[in-house]
Every structure is written in structure tokens, then in C-alpha cells.
Amino acid sequence: MVWQKVRAGLLASVLAAAVTLTVRAEEGPKAPPAAAPAPAVAADCGTPCYRTVCVKEWVPETYQCNRTVCKTEQRVETYTAYRCEQVQEARTCTVWKNVNEVQTVMKTVCECVPTVEERTVMKSHTVCKEVTTMSRKCVDKGHYECKEVCAGPSLRDRLGHMHRHHGCGNECGNECGGCETECAQPRMKTVRVWVPCPTWVETPCTKMVKTCEYRPEVCRVTVNKMVSKQVPTQVTVCKKVAEAKTEMVCVTKRIPYQATRTVCVKVPVNETYTATRMVCHTVQKQVPVETCAASCESGCHRGLRGRAAGLFHRDHGCGCDSGCH
């Protein structure tokens, strides 16, 4: 990596030196050779050296050539123009007029005419009919039965119960009011009880009912019928009648006449003109060249640039030290 960097630096130095020498060679023709200053080391190395250099210069040159140009010219031309004039002219036109006229027209009229017709209609009649219906009735066909039920304590038992005390030390809690030994067989009584037996009984019932019946019957009916007939009628009709009429009308007419006008016309014209062009010429010029002592001094005191210039230094016989190279 270090050697590559060194090589790149040397190559850049060589290119810089070459560019410096080229610029110095090109700057020579700009100043005249007689006015060029003498090198500072001319006293040490002798008279300055000159070199012949070929330089390209662009010199203006004139030449003649032809071209076609359109020029505008004014010309007077004659043309036909028209002017409008109002002229009275008689014209015949047809006019339609409305005329009322009475005409007899047959008109269809509808008239009501009474007519007798036979028609069959359904007429209602009231008739009495015998109708038998069944009526239902719920009848209780029950009976009485004898049934033994438990009789309650009598008044005597109730009064005696209030004054008696039993040896068992317990009061009697049954319905008869006595002790358990005495109430083993309660007092019973016979009672008649009704046992129900509902039964539906149907009874026929005959009665007379009025019924309305409809029977067909032929009858004569008077009907109004619409009868159409033709009746003459007087009608007023509006009729259009054509009538010829002559009247004066103003008509616009175009009358031609001759007029002149100035027109711009483009005319092609061939002309010769002088053109200028730049021509390249090669010219030889004398250019002063630096002496070896000046190059030696500049190379020895300019560091890397001087060292690069020493690579391309030529010995011109001026006796420069070889150590500068």
C-alpha cells in the first residue's frame, strides 16, 4: 500500500511538470521575442536560447456569395366591388282571407223513445209452513233414600257434661261428650237424603212459520231506448279564399363596379453579399527557451516540482551540476 501511494505521488508530480512546461511554451508567442526579458542567470550560462514553434491562428477571410431574398413590393390592382342599393319593385303576392259561409250539415242526434218490453222477474211471496222442532229440557229424575248418620249429643248430654267429673281425671273429647268406654257406640239416627239424577228430555214442538219464496213472473215494463237519427243543421263554416294582391316592395340589389387597391406582394430577388469566415493558418514563431542554469536553480529550490522537472531535464552544455537531476 505504501509503494502504491508513492507511485501515485510520483505520477502526479510528473504530470504537473509536463503541464508547466506546456504552459510556458504556449505563453511564449503572446509576448514579442524582442521584448522578452532576459533570464536572471544569463550572465552565468550565456545568451538566451530560442526555439521555432508552429502555431495555428484563426484569420478572418471575406468572400462573395449569392442568395435569394423575398422583398415586399406595393402594387396597384383593379378588382370588382359591389355596392348595395334599395330599389322599389312591384310584386304580386297571394293573400288568404277568412270568409264565413253558412252550410247545411246532417247531424246525428240521439233521442229517447219509450218502449214496452216483457221481462221475467223474481217476485217474493209469503208462505206459512208447518215446522216441527225438538226442544231439549234437563229434568232431575232423582229419589229419596234413607241413610243413617251420626247424631250429635243431646241437650241432656250437654248439660250433664258440665257437672260431671270422671275418675280418670280426663275430660271426654268425643262428639257424644262421654268417656271412651261410654262412647264406643255413638248414637245414630235415620235421615232421608235426595239422590239427584239429571236427564235430558226431548219434546217435539210443531208450529207455523212464515217463509218468503221467490217465484218467476212475466211482467211488461216501459223502457226508454236511445234511437239515433239524422237531422239537418245549419252550421257557419270559416273558409279560406285566395286573393291576388300587387304591392310595392323595397328590394336590396348588389350593383358591381370597378375599384382599385394597393396590395403588398413578396417578390424573390437574387442578391450578392459579402460574408466573413474564419480560416486556420499555421505560423512559425521564435519562442525563448529557459537556460539550463535557470532550470537548475528553479529545480533545486522548488521541492517536488523541481524534482519532477529534473526528470525531463536535458543537458544543453551549460555546465549545470549533475546533482540537480
Protein backbone atom coordinates (compact mmCIF):
# COMPACT_ATOMS: atom_id res chain seq x y z
CA MET A 1 0.00 0.00 0.00
CA VAL A 2 2.84 2.44 0.81
CA TRP A 3 4.59 1.80 -2.54
CA GLN A 4 1.31 2.33 -4.40
CA LYS A 5 0.86 5.71 -2.69
CA VAL A 6 4.45 6.66 -3.55
CA ARG A 7 3.94 5.67 -7.20
CA ALA A 8 0.73 7.72 -7.39
CA GLY A 9 2.56 10.75 -5.93
CA LEU A 10 5.42 10.44 -8.44
CA LEU A 11 2.97 10.12 -11.35
CA ALA A 12 1.09 13.23 -10.22
CA SER A 13 4.38 15.14 -9.94
CA VAL A 14 5.37 14.12 -13.49
CA LEU A 15 2.03 15.24 -14.90
CA ALA A 16 2.27 18.59 -13.08
CA ALA A 17 5.74 19.18 -14.50
CA ALA A 18 4.61 18.35 -18.05
CA VAL A 19 1.68 20.75 -17.79
CA THR A 20 4.01 23.51 -16.51
CA LEU A 21 6.36 23.09 -19.47
CA THR A 22 3.46 23.12 -21.96
CA VAL A 23 2.02 26.31 -20.49
CA ARG A 24 5.38 28.01 -20.66
CA ALA A 25 5.76 27.00 -24.34
CA GLU A 26 2.29 28.41 -25.19
CA GLU A 27 2.87 31.66 -23.31
CA GLY A 28 5.91 32.40 -25.42
CA PRO A 29 4.18 33.68 -28.64
CA LYS A 30 2.00 36.14 -26.77
CA ALA A 31 4.94 38.37 -25.95
CA PRO A 32 7.21 39.58 -28.81
CA PRO A 33 10.69 38.00 -28.86
CA ALA A 34 12.42 41.38 -28.80
CA ALA A 35 10.58 42.46 -25.62
CA ALA A 36 11.12 39.18 -23.73
CA PRO A 37 13.07 39.78 -20.52
CA ALA A 38 16.45 38.20 -20.27
CA PRO A 39 16.80 35.31 -17.84
CA ALA A 40 18.22 36.10 -14.46
CA VAL A 41 21.06 33.64 -14.92
CA ALA A 42 22.03 34.78 -18.44
CA ALA A 43 25.29 36.12 -17.16
CA ASP A 44 26.19 32.73 -15.81
CA CYS A 45 25.02 30.49 -18.72
CA GLY A 46 25.49 32.88 -21.74
CA THR A 47 22.94 34.24 -24.25
CA PRO A 48 19.28 33.02 -24.10
CA CYS A 49 18.20 30.22 -26.45
CA TYR A 50 15.28 30.50 -28.97
CA ARG A 51 13.11 27.76 -30.40
CA THR A 52 10.93 27.70 -33.56
CA VAL A 53 7.30 26.74 -32.77
CA CYS A 54 4.40 26.15 -35.23
CA VAL A 55 1.25 27.93 -34.01
CA LYS A 56 -2.31 27.73 -35.51
CA GLU A 57 -4.05 31.07 -35.87
CA TRP A 58 -7.63 31.81 -37.00
CA VAL A 59 -7.70 34.68 -39.51
CA PRO A 60 -10.95 36.33 -40.78
CA GLU A 61 -11.46 35.97 -44.56
CA THR A 62 -14.15 37.64 -46.73
CA TYR A 63 -15.83 36.03 -49.75
CA GLN A 64 -18.70 36.77 -52.16
CA CYS A 65 -21.85 34.58 -52.36
CA ASN A 66 -25.37 34.77 -53.81
CA ARG A 67 -28.74 34.34 -52.06
CA THR A 68 -32.46 34.66 -52.89
CA VAL A 69 -34.40 37.13 -50.72
CA CYS A 70 -38.16 37.85 -50.71
CA LYS A 71 -38.78 41.57 -50.84
CA THR A 72 -42.16 43.21 -50.25
CA GLU A 73 -43.42 45.46 -53.06
CA GLN A 74 -46.62 47.51 -53.30
CA ARG A 75 -48.73 47.08 -56.42
CA VAL A 76 -51.99 48.68 -57.54
CA GLU A 77 -54.60 46.22 -58.82
CA THR A 78 -58.15 46.53 -60.14
CA TYR A 79 -60.97 44.40 -58.73
CA THR A 80 -64.76 44.20 -58.97
CA ALA A 81 -66.60 45.55 -55.93
CA TYR A 82 -70.32 45.58 -55.11
CA ARG A 83 -72.49 48.25 -53.55
CA CYS A 84 -75.99 47.73 -52.11
CA GLU A 85 -78.89 49.94 -53.22
CA GLN A 86 -82.57 49.97 -52.22
CA VAL A 87 -84.88 49.69 -55.30
CA GLN A 88 -88.70 49.90 -55.39
CA GLU A 89 -90.15 46.84 -57.11
CA ALA A 90 -93.76 45.80 -57.77
CA ARG A 91 -94.57 42.27 -56.70
CA THR A 92 -97.75 40.18 -56.88
CA CYS A 93 -98.46 38.05 -53.86
CA THR A 94 -101.30 35.74 -52.84
CA VAL A 95 -103.21 36.64 -49.68
CA TRP A 96 -105.54 34.21 -47.91
CA LYS A 97 -108.67 35.67 -46.32
CA ASN A 98 -111.16 34.05 -43.93
CA VAL A 99 -114.75 34.14 -45.20
CA ASN A 100 -117.76 32.93 -43.13
CA GLU A 101 -120.16 30.66 -45.01
CA VAL A 102 -123.43 29.02 -43.86
CA GLN A 103 -123.74 25.34 -44.77
CA THR A 104 -126.39 22.65 -44.12
CA VAL A 105 -124.86 19.65 -42.41
CA MET A 106 -126.58 16.38 -41.46
CA LYS A 107 -126.03 15.82 -37.77
CA THR A 108 -126.63 12.59 -35.87
CA VAL A 109 -128.87 13.14 -32.80
CA CYS A 110 -129.80 10.56 -30.14
CA GLU A 111 -133.44 10.64 -28.92
CA CYS A 112 -135.12 8.77 -26.06
CA VAL A 113 -138.12 6.67 -27.25
CA PRO A 114 -140.35 4.83 -24.68
CA THR A 115 -140.74 1.12 -25.48
CA VAL A 116 -142.79 -1.61 -23.72
CA GLU A 117 -140.90 -4.84 -23.12
CA GLU A 118 -141.71 -8.14 -21.42
CA ARG A 119 -139.31 -9.15 -18.74
CA THR A 120 -139.20 -12.08 -16.33
CA VAL A 121 -138.65 -11.02 -12.73
CA MET A 122 -138.43 -12.96 -9.47
CA LYS A 123 -141.29 -11.88 -7.23
CA SER A 124 -141.41 -12.63 -3.49
CA HIS A 125 -144.37 -14.48 -1.87
CA THR A 126 -145.03 -15.11 1.86
CA VAL A 127 -145.97 -18.71 2.65
CA CYS A 128 -146.89 -20.24 6.06
CA LYS A 129 -145.36 -23.65 6.62
CA GLU A 130 -145.66 -26.14 9.47
CA VAL A 131 -142.31 -26.77 11.09
CA THR A 132 -141.62 -29.39 13.79
CA THR A 133 -138.71 -28.74 16.11
CA MET A 134 -137.29 -30.74 19.01
CA SER A 135 -136.88 -28.93 22.35
CA ARG A 136 -134.47 -30.37 24.90
CA LYS A 137 -135.02 -29.98 28.63
CA CYS A 138 -132.93 -31.17 31.57
CA VAL A 139 -135.17 -32.97 34.16
CA ASP A 140 -134.00 -34.19 37.59
CA LYS A 141 -135.39 -37.73 38.00
CA GLY A 142 -133.90 -38.39 41.42
CA HIS A 143 -135.35 -40.15 44.54
CA TYR A 144 -135.10 -40.12 48.32
CA GLU A 145 -133.08 -42.72 50.22
CA CYS A 146 -132.85 -43.46 53.98
CA LYS A 147 -129.37 -43.09 55.40
CA GLU A 148 -128.04 -43.46 58.96
CA VAL A 149 -125.89 -40.64 60.17
CA CYS A 150 -124.22 -39.88 63.48
CA ALA A 151 -126.47 -37.83 65.75
CA GLY A 152 -124.87 -35.17 67.89
CA PRO A 153 -125.09 -35.04 71.70
CA SER A 154 -128.48 -34.24 73.04
CA LEU A 155 -129.29 -31.35 75.30
CA ARG A 156 -129.31 -33.66 78.29
CA ASP A 157 -125.85 -34.94 77.50
CA ARG A 158 -124.53 -31.44 77.07
CA LEU A 159 -125.97 -30.27 80.41
CA GLY A 160 -124.73 -33.40 82.24
CA HIS A 161 -121.27 -32.98 80.84
CA MET A 162 -120.93 -29.65 82.53
CA HIS A 163 -121.49 -31.06 86.12
CA ARG A 164 -119.74 -34.48 85.89
CA HIS A 165 -116.18 -35.32 86.78
CA HIS A 166 -114.65 -38.58 85.66
CA GLY A 167 -112.42 -40.74 87.83
CA CYS A 168 -109.78 -40.97 85.15
CA GLY A 169 -109.05 -37.30 85.56
CA ASN A 170 -109.52 -36.65 81.83
CA GLU A 171 -112.33 -34.87 80.13
CA CYS A 172 -114.17 -36.66 77.29
CA GLY A 173 -113.15 -35.25 73.91
CA ASN A 174 -115.51 -37.16 71.56
CA GLU A 175 -118.70 -35.88 70.00
CA CYS A 176 -121.05 -37.67 72.41
CA GLY A 177 -119.46 -35.93 75.37
CA GLY A 178 -118.83 -39.16 77.44
CA CYS A 179 -115.73 -41.19 78.17
CA GLU A 180 -114.12 -43.60 75.78
CA THR A 181 -115.92 -46.53 77.41
CA GLU A 182 -119.27 -44.87 77.23
CA CYS A 183 -118.83 -43.52 73.58
CA ALA A 184 -117.77 -46.73 71.95
CA GLN A 185 -121.15 -46.91 70.17
CA PRO A 186 -122.25 -43.41 69.10
CA ARG A 187 -125.89 -42.53 68.86
CA MET A 188 -127.19 -42.91 65.24
CA LYS A 189 -130.28 -41.52 63.52
CA THR A 190 -132.04 -42.25 60.17
CA VAL A 191 -132.28 -39.38 57.67
CA ARG A 192 -133.93 -39.13 54.22
CA VAL A 193 -131.43 -37.98 51.58
CA TRP A 194 -132.30 -36.88 47.99
CA VAL A 195 -130.23 -38.62 45.33
CA PRO A 196 -130.16 -36.45 42.05
CA CYS A 197 -130.40 -37.99 38.56
CA PRO A 198 -130.33 -35.28 35.76
CA THR A 199 -131.84 -36.48 32.46
CA TRP A 200 -132.26 -34.67 29.09
CA VAL A 201 -135.78 -34.99 27.76
CA GLU A 202 -136.55 -34.13 24.06
CA THR A 203 -140.07 -32.92 23.29
CA PRO A 204 -141.34 -32.40 19.71
CA CYS A 205 -142.85 -28.95 19.06
CA THR A 206 -144.94 -28.15 15.95
CA LYS A 207 -145.50 -24.52 14.91
CA MET A 208 -146.36 -22.41 11.84
CA VAL A 209 -143.52 -20.36 10.32
CA LYS A 210 -143.78 -17.64 7.64
CA THR A 211 -141.32 -18.18 4.76
CA CYS A 212 -140.52 -15.86 1.83
CA GLU A 213 -140.32 -17.59 -1.53
CA TYR A 214 -139.27 -16.12 -4.92
CA ARG A 215 -141.23 -17.17 -7.97
CA PRO A 216 -140.62 -16.18 -11.64
CA GLU A 217 -143.24 -13.87 -13.05
CA VAL A 218 -143.59 -12.23 -16.51
CA CYS A 219 -144.41 -8.53 -16.48
CA ARG A 220 -144.50 -5.66 -19.01
CA VAL A 221 -142.05 -2.81 -18.42
CA THR A 222 -141.76 0.56 -20.15
CA VAL A 223 -138.11 1.31 -21.06
CA ASN A 224 -136.56 4.42 -22.67
CA LYS A 225 -134.33 3.49 -25.61
CA MET A 226 -131.80 5.79 -27.32
CA VAL A 227 -132.54 5.98 -31.04
CA SER A 228 -130.16 7.85 -33.40
CA LYS A 229 -131.47 9.81 -36.37
CA GLN A 230 -130.09 12.24 -38.95
CA VAL A 231 -131.20 15.87 -38.52
CA PRO A 232 -130.26 18.72 -40.92
CA THR A 233 -128.47 21.54 -39.12
CA GLN A 234 -127.31 24.99 -40.25
CA VAL A 235 -123.57 25.48 -39.48
CA THR A 236 -121.35 28.53 -40.04
CA VAL A 237 -118.02 27.49 -41.57
CA CYS A 238 -114.88 29.65 -41.81
CA LYS A 239 -113.44 29.24 -45.30
CA LYS A 240 -110.09 30.48 -46.66
CA VAL A 241 -110.20 32.25 -50.02
CA ALA A 242 -107.07 33.11 -52.07
CA GLU A 243 -106.77 36.69 -53.34
CA ALA A 244 -104.04 38.15 -55.62
CA LYS A 245 -102.55 41.44 -54.42
CA THR A 246 -99.94 43.76 -56.01
CA GLU A 247 -97.76 45.88 -53.74
CA MET A 248 -94.50 47.85 -53.90
CA VAL A 249 -91.59 46.31 -52.07
CA CYS A 250 -88.12 47.69 -51.33
CA VAL A 251 -85.52 45.24 -52.63
CA THR A 252 -81.79 45.37 -51.89
CA LYS A 253 -79.68 44.84 -55.02
CA ARG A 254 -75.91 44.46 -55.38
CA ILE A 255 -74.51 46.64 -58.18
CA PRO A 256 -70.96 45.81 -59.40
CA TYR A 257 -68.33 48.50 -60.11
CA GLN A 258 -64.57 48.65 -60.77
CA ALA A 259 -62.28 49.74 -57.90
CA THR A 260 -58.52 49.85 -57.26
CA ARG A 261 -56.50 48.90 -54.24
CA THR A 262 -52.83 48.72 -53.19
CA VAL A 263 -51.58 45.22 -52.37
CA CYS A 264 -48.27 44.15 -50.81
CA VAL A 265 -46.62 41.37 -52.84
CA LYS A 266 -43.49 39.40 -51.96
CA VAL A 267 -41.08 39.08 -54.92
CA PRO A 268 -37.99 36.82 -54.86
CA VAL A 269 -34.75 38.75 -55.65
CA ASN A 270 -31.21 37.35 -56.18
CA GLU A 271 -28.52 39.45 -54.47
CA THR A 272 -24.78 39.17 -53.85
CA TYR A 273 -23.43 39.80 -50.36
CA THR A 274 -20.04 39.68 -48.64
CA ALA A 275 -19.63 37.06 -45.91
CA THR A 276 -16.79 36.57 -43.44
CA ARG A 277 -15.38 33.26 -42.31
CA MET A 278 -12.53 32.24 -40.01
CA VAL A 279 -9.64 30.36 -41.71
CA CYS A 280 -6.98 28.44 -39.79
CA HIS A 281 -3.31 29.21 -40.74
CA THR A 282 -0.13 27.66 -39.37
CA VAL A 283 2.51 30.29 -38.43
CA GLN A 284 6.11 29.71 -37.29
CA LYS A 285 7.29 31.81 -34.34
CA GLN A 286 10.52 32.09 -32.34
CA VAL A 287 9.98 31.33 -28.66
CA PRO A 288 12.64 31.89 -25.95
CA VAL A 289 13.62 28.78 -24.01
CA GLU A 290 14.84 28.78 -20.39
CA THR A 291 18.55 28.18 -19.86
CA CYS A 292 19.79 25.12 -18.05
CA ALA A 293 21.06 27.26 -15.12
CA ALA A 294 17.64 28.82 -14.60
CA SER A 295 16.01 25.41 -14.78
CA CYS A 296 18.64 24.04 -12.47
CA GLU A 297 18.07 26.83 -9.97
CA SER A 298 14.32 26.52 -10.18
CA GLY A 299 14.54 22.74 -9.89
CA CYS A 300 16.81 22.86 -6.89
CA HIS A 301 14.73 25.31 -4.92
CA ARG A 302 11.12 24.24 -5.75
CA GLY A 303 10.89 20.96 -3.93
CA LEU A 304 8.81 18.21 -5.54
CA ARG A 305 8.03 20.29 -8.68
CA GLY A 306 11.70 20.89 -9.30
CA ARG A 307 12.47 17.23 -8.83
CA ALA A 308 9.78 16.31 -11.33
CA ALA A 309 11.14 18.84 -13.80
CA GLY A 310 14.60 17.30 -13.35
CA LEU A 311 13.28 14.03 -14.68
CA PHE A 312 12.71 15.70 -18.08
CA HIS A 313 15.81 17.99 -17.98
CA ARG A 314 18.17 17.93 -20.97
CA ASP A 315 21.77 18.86 -20.91
CA HIS A 316 22.30 21.92 -23.15
CA GLY A 317 26.04 22.09 -22.45
CA CYS A 318 25.78 24.94 -19.96
CA GLY A 319 27.76 23.09 -17.30
CA CYS A 320 24.92 22.57 -14.75
CA ASP A 321 25.76 20.40 -11.83
CA SER A 322 24.63 16.81 -12.35
CA GLY A 323 23.44 16.68 -8.80
CA CYS A 324 20.29 18.68 -9.70
CA HIS A 325 19.00 15.75 -11.74
